[in-house]
């Protein structure tokens, strides 16, 4: 005896067959075929369950309880503070009678909320490398120890150097001289910070340092506007 396939019995249960095919399959069932009868019974049960599932609505009280529990375990998104440049030695006027030098280190001080990020960039003499030294402090409580934090130097999307802060929030990195370096770190409160290093390398060696106004930068590496001004 030839049997019909499971797919055909599914179509039979869903009532999507042509009248001629449905009549032929019904005649097969009337012969008492247990295999095909069981197949039709299975698909009929599946059809009944799925039809009831679409019409099901959970109790309103259950929905409110689930939403309340989700709200408890969801942390509010922190608003990223503005990253301000408080000091840049390249913008400070030179002392009278003192000529500038192309190999002088550059000092930068940033503020991100209650935290201060002190940076010093020192091009190494007779090499193509630059050292980046820094320290992260909590200005609200300078004596408070900061747990070790990951620090990375990035050029475009490539990490060129990485380290971690020490006991007093200090760190040091070294990499080859290159443009468009960015310092990436995450503050103890979990806010990510990305600092453009203001062309500290090749430009510093040639004496053509390009400085940016502090208001152009914020936390998470977003530039608030595009703009530069040349030091004279």
Protein backbone atom coordinates (compact mmCIF):
# COMPACT_ATOMS: atom_id res chain seq x y z
CA UNK A 1 0.00 0.00 0.00
CA UNK A 2 1.39 3.41 -0.98
CA UNK A 3 1.47 5.94 1.86
CA UNK A 4 1.38 9.72 1.73
CA UNK A 5 4.26 11.83 3.04
CA UNK A 6 4.30 13.86 6.26
CA UNK A 7 4.32 17.07 4.23
CA UNK A 8 1.17 15.99 2.42
CA UNK A 9 -0.59 15.21 5.72
CA UNK A 10 0.48 18.63 7.02
CA UNK A 11 -1.24 20.25 4.04
CA UNK A 12 -4.27 18.02 4.68
CA UNK A 13 -4.45 19.16 8.32
CA UNK A 14 -4.10 22.80 7.26
CA UNK A 15 -6.80 22.30 4.63
CA UNK A 16 -4.65 23.72 1.82
CA UNK A 17 -5.04 20.84 -0.66
CA UNK A 18 -7.04 20.79 -3.84
CA UNK A 19 -10.39 19.04 -3.55
CA UNK A 20 -9.25 16.11 -5.72
CA UNK A 21 -6.09 15.46 -3.64
CA UNK A 22 -7.99 15.80 -0.37
CA UNK A 23 -10.60 13.31 -1.54
CA UNK A 24 -7.89 10.82 -2.53
CA UNK A 25 -6.16 11.10 0.86
CA UNK A 26 -9.45 10.80 2.74
CA UNK A 27 -10.14 7.60 0.82
CA UNK A 28 -6.75 6.32 1.93
CA UNK A 29 -7.65 7.04 5.56
CA UNK A 30 -10.93 5.18 5.17
CA UNK A 31 -8.96 2.03 4.36
CA UNK A 32 -7.76 2.06 8.01
CA UNK A 33 -4.06 2.88 7.41
CA UNK A 34 -2.66 3.37 10.94
CA UNK A 35 0.58 5.00 9.79
CA UNK A 36 -1.15 7.77 7.87
CA UNK A 37 -3.86 8.15 10.54
CA UNK A 38 -1.14 8.77 13.19
CA UNK A 39 0.61 11.28 10.90
CA UNK A 40 -2.61 13.23 10.42
CA UNK A 41 -3.32 13.10 14.17
CA UNK A 42 0.14 14.59 14.92
CA UNK A 43 -0.24 17.48 12.48
CA UNK A 44 -3.78 18.17 13.67
CA UNK A 45 -2.49 18.56 17.24
CA UNK A 46 0.30 20.88 16.06
CA UNK A 47 -2.21 23.01 14.16
CA UNK A 48 -4.47 23.30 17.19
CA UNK A 49 -1.60 24.31 19.51
CA UNK A 50 -0.23 26.97 17.15
CA UNK A 51 -3.66 28.47 16.58
CA UNK A 52 -4.15 28.85 20.35
CA UNK A 53 -0.64 30.32 20.81
CA UNK A 54 -1.34 33.26 18.53
CA UNK A 55 -4.40 34.23 20.53
CA UNK A 56 -2.69 33.93 23.96
CA UNK A 57 -2.19 37.10 26.01
CA UNK A 58 -0.28 36.98 29.33
CA UNK A 59 -2.04 38.44 32.38
CA UNK A 60 -1.50 42.19 32.76
CA UNK A 61 -0.21 41.69 36.33
CA UNK A 62 2.50 39.31 35.07
CA UNK A 63 3.58 41.82 32.42
CA UNK A 64 3.89 44.62 35.01
CA UNK A 65 5.95 42.40 37.32
CA UNK A 66 8.36 41.46 34.51
CA UNK A 67 8.82 45.10 33.49
CA UNK A 68 9.47 46.12 37.09
CA UNK A 69 12.13 43.43 37.56
CA UNK A 70 13.83 44.45 34.29
CA UNK A 71 13.92 48.09 35.41
CA UNK A 72 15.61 47.13 38.70
CA UNK A 73 18.45 45.31 36.94
CA UNK A 74 18.99 47.88 34.18
CA UNK A 75 21.56 50.57 34.95
CA UNK A 76 20.78 54.08 33.70
CA UNK A 77 23.06 55.23 30.92
CA UNK A 78 25.66 57.70 32.13
CA UNK A 79 25.92 61.01 30.40
CA UNK A 80 29.51 61.43 29.20
CA UNK A 81 31.16 64.52 30.70
CA UNK A 82 33.00 66.96 28.48
CA UNK A 83 36.75 66.37 28.28
CA UNK A 84 38.37 69.77 28.81
CA UNK A 85 41.97 70.69 28.04
CA UNK A 86 43.12 72.68 31.10
CA UNK A 87 46.75 73.16 30.11
CA UNK A 88 48.91 72.72 27.01
CA UNK A 89 52.57 73.66 27.24
CA UNK A 90 52.64 74.24 23.46
CA UNK A 91 50.23 77.13 23.93
CA UNK A 92 52.07 78.66 26.88
CA UNK A 93 54.19 81.72 25.91
CA UNK A 94 57.97 81.25 25.99
CA UNK A 95 60.04 83.22 28.47
CA UNK A 96 61.61 86.40 27.14
CA UNK A 97 64.98 85.75 25.53
CA UNK A 98 64.46 81.97 25.41
CA UNK A 99 64.36 80.38 21.97
CA UNK A 100 62.06 77.40 21.41
CA UNK A 101 63.51 73.96 20.79
CA UNK A 102 62.01 71.25 18.61
CA UNK A 103 62.83 68.41 21.07
CA UNK A 104 61.09 69.89 24.13
CA UNK A 105 58.55 67.65 25.85
CA UNK A 106 54.90 68.59 25.67
CA UNK A 107 52.71 68.70 28.78
CA UNK A 108 48.91 68.35 28.67
CA UNK A 109 46.35 68.37 31.46
CA UNK A 110 42.75 67.25 30.84
CA UNK A 111 39.68 67.23 33.06
CA UNK A 112 36.90 64.64 32.76
CA UNK A 113 34.39 65.31 35.51
CA UNK A 114 36.16 64.86 38.86
CA UNK A 115 39.17 63.19 37.24
CA UNK A 116 42.36 64.80 35.97
CA UNK A 117 44.49 63.21 33.25
CA UNK A 118 48.06 64.53 33.19
CA UNK A 119 50.06 63.69 30.04
CA UNK A 120 53.66 64.28 29.03
CA UNK A 121 54.94 63.42 25.55
CA UNK A 122 58.69 63.16 25.07
CA UNK A 123 60.14 62.53 21.58
CA UNK A 124 63.26 60.42 22.09
CA UNK A 125 66.43 61.97 20.76
CA UNK A 126 68.02 60.30 17.71
CA UNK A 127 65.17 57.76 17.39
CA UNK A 128 61.81 57.59 15.66
CA UNK A 129 59.93 56.90 18.92
CA UNK A 130 57.99 58.90 21.47
CA UNK A 131 57.26 58.22 25.15
CA UNK A 132 53.85 59.03 26.60
CA UNK A 133 53.84 59.34 30.38
CA UNK A 134 50.79 60.19 32.42
CA UNK A 135 48.79 59.98 35.62
CA UNK A 136 45.08 59.80 36.44
CA UNK A 137 43.93 61.46 39.67
CA UNK A 138 40.62 62.04 41.40
CA UNK A 139 40.59 65.79 42.04
CA UNK A 140 37.76 65.44 44.57
CA UNK A 141 39.89 63.06 46.65
CA UNK A 142 43.57 63.10 45.53
CA UNK A 143 44.55 60.58 48.23
CA UNK A 144 42.15 57.97 46.94
CA UNK A 145 43.88 55.07 45.20
CA UNK A 146 42.70 54.22 41.68
CA UNK A 147 42.48 50.58 40.69
CA UNK A 148 44.63 49.49 37.72
CA UNK A 149 43.11 50.68 34.46
CA UNK A 150 43.94 49.55 30.88
CA UNK A 151 45.58 52.25 28.73
CA UNK A 152 46.10 51.97 24.97
CA UNK A 153 47.61 54.07 22.21
CA UNK A 154 45.69 53.71 18.97
CA UNK A 155 46.43 54.83 15.43
CA UNK A 156 43.24 54.61 13.39
CA UNK A 157 41.89 51.23 14.59
CA UNK A 158 45.23 49.62 15.35
CA UNK A 159 46.61 49.38 18.91
CA UNK A 160 50.28 50.43 18.79
CA UNK A 161 51.00 50.27 22.54
CA UNK A 162 49.19 49.25 25.73
CA UNK A 163 49.76 49.30 29.47
CA UNK A 164 47.97 49.60 32.83
CA UNK A 165 48.01 52.28 35.48
CA UNK A 166 50.11 51.76 38.61
CA UNK A 167 49.37 52.23 42.30
CA UNK A 168 49.12 56.01 42.00
CA UNK A 169 47.35 56.06 38.65
CA UNK A 170 50.59 56.52 36.72
CA UNK A 171 51.34 54.93 33.33
CA UNK A 172 53.91 54.98 30.54
CA UNK A 173 53.69 53.93 26.92
CA UNK A 174 56.07 54.07 23.98
CA UNK A 175 55.53 53.84 20.24
CA UNK A 176 56.91 54.95 16.91
CA UNK A 177 56.38 58.54 15.83
CA UNK A 178 53.15 58.73 13.87
CA UNK A 179 50.28 61.08 13.20
CA UNK A 180 46.73 60.76 14.49
CA UNK A 181 47.59 58.97 17.72
CA UNK A 182 44.77 58.63 20.24
CA UNK A 183 44.96 57.63 23.89
CA UNK A 184 42.10 55.39 25.01
CA UNK A 185 41.21 54.59 28.62
CA UNK A 186 38.24 53.93 30.86
CA UNK A 187 37.84 55.95 34.04
CA UNK A 188 37.05 54.25 37.38
CA UNK A 189 33.38 55.23 37.04
CA UNK A 190 33.20 53.21 33.81
CA UNK A 191 33.13 56.15 31.37
CA UNK A 192 35.31 55.61 28.29
CA UNK A 193 37.71 58.39 27.27
CA UNK A 194 39.54 58.83 23.97
CA UNK A 195 42.06 61.67 23.73
CA UNK A 196 43.54 62.92 20.45
CA UNK A 197 47.23 63.51 21.21
CA UNK A 198 47.33 66.82 19.32
CA UNK A 199 50.07 65.90 16.85
CA UNK A 200 52.76 65.32 19.51
CA UNK A 201 55.31 63.52 17.40
CA UNK A 202 56.47 64.55 13.93
CA UNK A 203 55.04 68.05 14.25
CA UNK A 204 56.82 68.56 17.57
CA UNK A 205 60.14 67.56 16.07
CA UNK A 206 59.77 70.06 13.24
CA UNK A 207 58.52 72.84 15.49
CA UNK A 208 55.18 73.02 13.66
CA UNK A 209 52.94 71.93 16.49
CA UNK A 210 49.24 72.04 15.71
CA UNK A 211 47.08 72.88 18.70
CA UNK A 212 43.36 72.36 19.20
CA UNK A 213 41.00 74.26 21.45
CA UNK A 214 39.89 72.21 24.46
CA UNK A 215 36.21 72.51 23.59
CA UNK A 216 36.70 70.47 20.43
CA UNK A 217 37.01 67.21 22.37
CA UNK A 218 34.79 65.17 24.65
CA UNK A 219 34.65 61.75 26.22
CA UNK A 220 34.44 58.58 24.06
CA UNK A 221 36.53 60.20 21.33
CA UNK A 222 33.84 62.29 19.65
CA UNK A 223 34.98 65.59 18.17
CA UNK A 224 32.49 68.34 18.86
CA UNK A 225 33.65 70.30 15.84
CA UNK A 226 36.41 70.22 13.29
CA UNK A 227 38.86 73.09 13.60
CA UNK A 228 42.52 73.86 14.19
CA UNK A 229 44.70 76.85 14.65
CA UNK A 230 48.41 77.04 14.05
CA UNK A 231 50.79 78.08 16.75
CA UNK A 232 52.82 81.14 15.82
